Protein backbone atom coordinates (compact mmCIF):
# COMPACT_ATOMS: atom_id res chain seq x y z
CA UNK A 1 2.48 -11.19 68.18
CA UNK A 2 1.74 -8.32 70.57
CA UNK A 3 2.73 -5.83 67.87
CA UNK A 4 0.17 -7.29 65.44
CA UNK A 5 -2.56 -7.18 68.09
CA UNK A 6 -1.68 -3.58 68.94
CA UNK A 7 -1.88 -2.56 65.26
CA UNK A 8 -5.22 -4.38 64.85
CA UNK A 9 -6.71 -2.63 67.88
CA UNK A 10 -5.38 0.72 66.59
CA UNK A 11 -7.09 0.13 63.23
CA UNK A 12 -10.31 -0.87 64.99
CA UNK A 13 -10.29 2.41 66.89
CA UNK A 14 -10.21 4.32 63.60
CA UNK A 15 -12.94 2.21 62.00
CA UNK A 16 -16.60 3.19 62.24
CA UNK A 17 -18.95 0.19 62.20
CA UNK A 18 -22.58 0.82 61.28
CA UNK A 19 -25.48 -1.33 60.12
CA UNK A 20 -25.76 -1.33 56.34
CA UNK A 21 -29.50 -0.59 56.40
CA UNK A 22 -29.06 2.60 58.44
CA UNK A 23 -26.09 3.76 56.38
CA UNK A 24 -28.10 3.34 53.19
CA UNK A 25 -31.05 5.24 54.64
CA UNK A 26 -28.78 8.06 55.83
CA UNK A 27 -27.28 8.36 52.34
CA UNK A 28 -30.77 8.35 50.76
CA UNK A 29 -31.91 11.18 53.05
CA UNK A 30 -28.80 13.23 52.28
CA UNK A 31 -29.37 12.70 48.55
CA UNK A 32 -33.03 13.65 48.95
CA UNK A 33 -32.00 16.92 50.67
CA UNK A 34 -29.53 17.69 47.87
CA UNK A 35 -32.23 16.89 45.31
CA UNK A 36 -34.58 19.31 47.07
CA UNK A 37 -31.94 22.06 46.89
CA UNK A 38 -31.42 21.26 43.21
CA UNK A 39 -35.18 21.45 42.60
CA UNK A 40 -35.35 24.80 44.37
CA UNK A 41 -32.64 26.18 42.08
CA UNK A 42 -34.36 24.68 39.02
CA UNK A 43 -37.62 26.44 39.91
CA UNK A 44 -35.76 29.77 39.78
CA UNK A 45 -34.72 29.20 36.15
CA UNK A 46 -36.82 30.61 33.30
CA UNK A 47 -39.87 28.49 32.56
CA UNK A 48 -41.45 27.42 29.34
CA UNK A 49 -41.37 29.84 26.47
CA UNK A 50 -42.71 29.98 22.95
CA UNK A 51 -39.84 27.74 21.79
CA UNK A 52 -40.97 24.82 23.94
CA UNK A 53 -38.95 23.63 26.90
CA UNK A 54 -37.33 26.39 28.90
CA UNK A 55 -34.15 26.31 30.92
CA UNK A 56 -35.95 24.72 33.87
CA UNK A 57 -37.49 21.82 31.93
CA UNK A 58 -34.63 19.33 31.94
CA UNK A 59 -33.46 20.02 35.54
CA UNK A 60 -37.01 19.68 36.85
CA UNK A 61 -37.51 16.41 34.99
CA UNK A 62 -34.26 15.02 36.40
CA UNK A 63 -35.19 16.25 39.88
CA UNK A 64 -38.58 14.58 39.77
CA UNK A 65 -37.14 11.25 38.59
CA UNK A 66 -34.38 11.27 41.21
CA UNK A 67 -36.77 12.39 43.97
CA UNK A 68 -39.33 9.69 43.22
CA UNK A 69 -36.58 7.06 43.04
CA UNK A 70 -35.16 8.15 46.40
CA UNK A 71 -38.57 8.15 48.09
CA UNK A 72 -39.15 4.60 46.81
CA UNK A 73 -35.71 3.52 48.08
CA UNK A 74 -36.42 5.07 51.49
CA UNK A 75 -39.79 3.31 51.76
CA UNK A 76 -38.25 -0.02 50.74
CA UNK A 77 -35.39 0.54 53.21
CA UNK A 78 -37.78 1.11 56.11
CA UNK A 79 -40.07 -1.78 55.18
CA UNK A 80 -37.34 -4.33 54.50
CA UNK A 81 -36.90 -6.98 57.16
CA UNK A 82 -33.62 -8.26 58.49
CA UNK A 83 -32.31 -11.34 56.74
CA UNK A 84 -31.81 -14.53 58.71
CA UNK A 85 -28.09 -13.86 58.99
CA UNK A 86 -28.74 -10.49 60.60
CA UNK A 87 -28.23 -7.04 59.22
CA UNK A 88 -24.75 -6.81 57.67
CA UNK A 89 -22.31 -4.35 59.18
CA UNK A 90 -20.31 -1.84 57.17
CA UNK A 91 -16.88 -0.68 58.22
CA UNK A 92 -15.99 2.85 57.22
CA UNK A 93 -12.22 3.06 57.29
CA UNK A 94 -11.21 5.00 54.20
CA UNK A 95 -11.20 8.64 55.23
CA UNK A 96 -8.00 9.36 53.28
CA UNK A 97 -9.44 7.98 50.02
CA UNK A 98 -12.59 10.04 50.55
CA UNK A 99 -10.54 13.16 51.21
CA UNK A 100 -8.41 12.55 48.12
CA UNK A 101 -11.57 12.02 46.03
CA UNK A 102 -12.97 15.35 47.20
CA UNK A 103 -9.65 17.05 46.40
CA UNK A 104 -9.65 15.50 42.90
CA UNK A 105 -13.23 16.67 42.28
CA UNK A 106 -12.44 20.22 43.40
CA UNK A 107 -9.24 20.32 41.33
CA UNK A 108 -10.99 19.12 38.18
CA UNK A 109 -13.83 21.62 38.64
CA UNK A 110 -11.33 24.44 39.06
CA UNK A 111 -9.31 23.31 36.02
CA UNK A 112 -12.29 22.35 33.83
CA UNK A 113 -12.23 25.51 31.74
CA UNK A 114 -8.57 25.01 30.86
CA UNK A 115 -8.79 21.24 30.42
CA UNK A 116 -11.94 21.16 28.37
CA UNK A 117 -15.03 19.08 28.97
CA UNK A 118 -13.89 15.76 27.50
CA UNK A 119 -10.39 15.79 29.02
CA UNK A 120 -11.72 17.04 32.37
CA UNK A 121 -14.39 14.35 32.68
CA UNK A 122 -11.95 11.68 31.50
CA UNK A 123 -9.42 12.74 34.13
CA UNK A 124 -12.10 12.93 36.84
CA UNK A 125 -13.46 9.47 36.00
CA UNK A 126 -9.97 7.94 35.85
CA UNK A 127 -8.91 9.39 39.20
CA UNK A 128 -12.12 8.45 40.99
CA UNK A 129 -12.02 4.91 39.63
CA UNK A 130 -8.37 4.55 40.70
CA UNK A 131 -9.07 5.95 44.17
CA UNK A 132 -12.07 3.63 44.43
CA UNK A 133 -9.77 0.65 44.07
CA UNK A 134 -9.99 -0.21 40.39
CA UNK A 135 -6.66 -1.68 39.28
CA UNK A 136 -7.50 -3.12 35.86
CA UNK A 137 -5.98 -0.74 33.35
CA UNK A 138 -8.16 -2.19 30.61
CA UNK A 139 -11.11 -0.54 32.40
CA UNK A 140 -9.22 2.53 33.62
CA UNK A 141 -8.12 3.42 30.09
CA UNK A 142 -11.39 2.66 28.27
CA UNK A 143 -14.31 3.60 30.53
CA UNK A 144 -13.37 7.21 31.42
CA UNK A 145 -13.02 8.38 27.78
CA UNK A 146 -16.21 6.53 26.84
CA UNK A 147 -18.06 8.15 29.74
CA UNK A 148 -16.80 11.63 28.81
CA UNK A 149 -17.68 11.18 25.14
CA UNK A 150 -21.12 9.82 26.09
CA UNK A 151 -21.85 12.83 28.30
CA UNK A 152 -20.68 15.15 25.53
CA UNK A 153 -22.81 13.34 22.94
CA UNK A 154 -25.92 13.46 25.14
CA UNK A 155 -25.65 17.18 25.73
CA UNK A 156 -24.50 18.26 22.25
CA UNK A 157 -26.29 15.82 19.96
CA UNK A 158 -29.45 14.99 21.90
CA UNK A 159 -30.13 18.10 24.00
CA UNK A 160 -28.53 20.66 21.67
CA UNK A 161 -26.45 22.23 24.45
CA UNK A 162 -23.10 23.42 23.05
CA UNK A 163 -20.01 24.08 25.13
CA UNK A 164 -17.56 26.89 24.42
């Protein structure tokens, strides 16, 4: 019994407990900062030309939509009141899964040219879903290829952006 209690206290020492509301707000602010950096880079792209939308058109549109959404989420987060049961707590105890996810993302980005867009995004989606805890192979084998093909279709068929 002492061994179980010792293991439980060891796990508790490695677990960060934070209120869900503050964790969400922290993530929103980080995403807002990343969106601002993205917008700054988009402003440096060529603007509108005689052909219509320039290289900066789509990134700026995406940036504006994401930025407005994040500002609304931040306002709602600050104005929301605690529920009667209290603010739920979130335990952050998966540093190894997070580290593995970052490694997978870096590896796929580095190998993307050799893998190709569809295979690379399929592999990335599969690995991230598996690391996130998805165990149903019916989803693991269908969603990643569908996601990759959807991204490809949006860029090639809708936006007219072709990949080499």
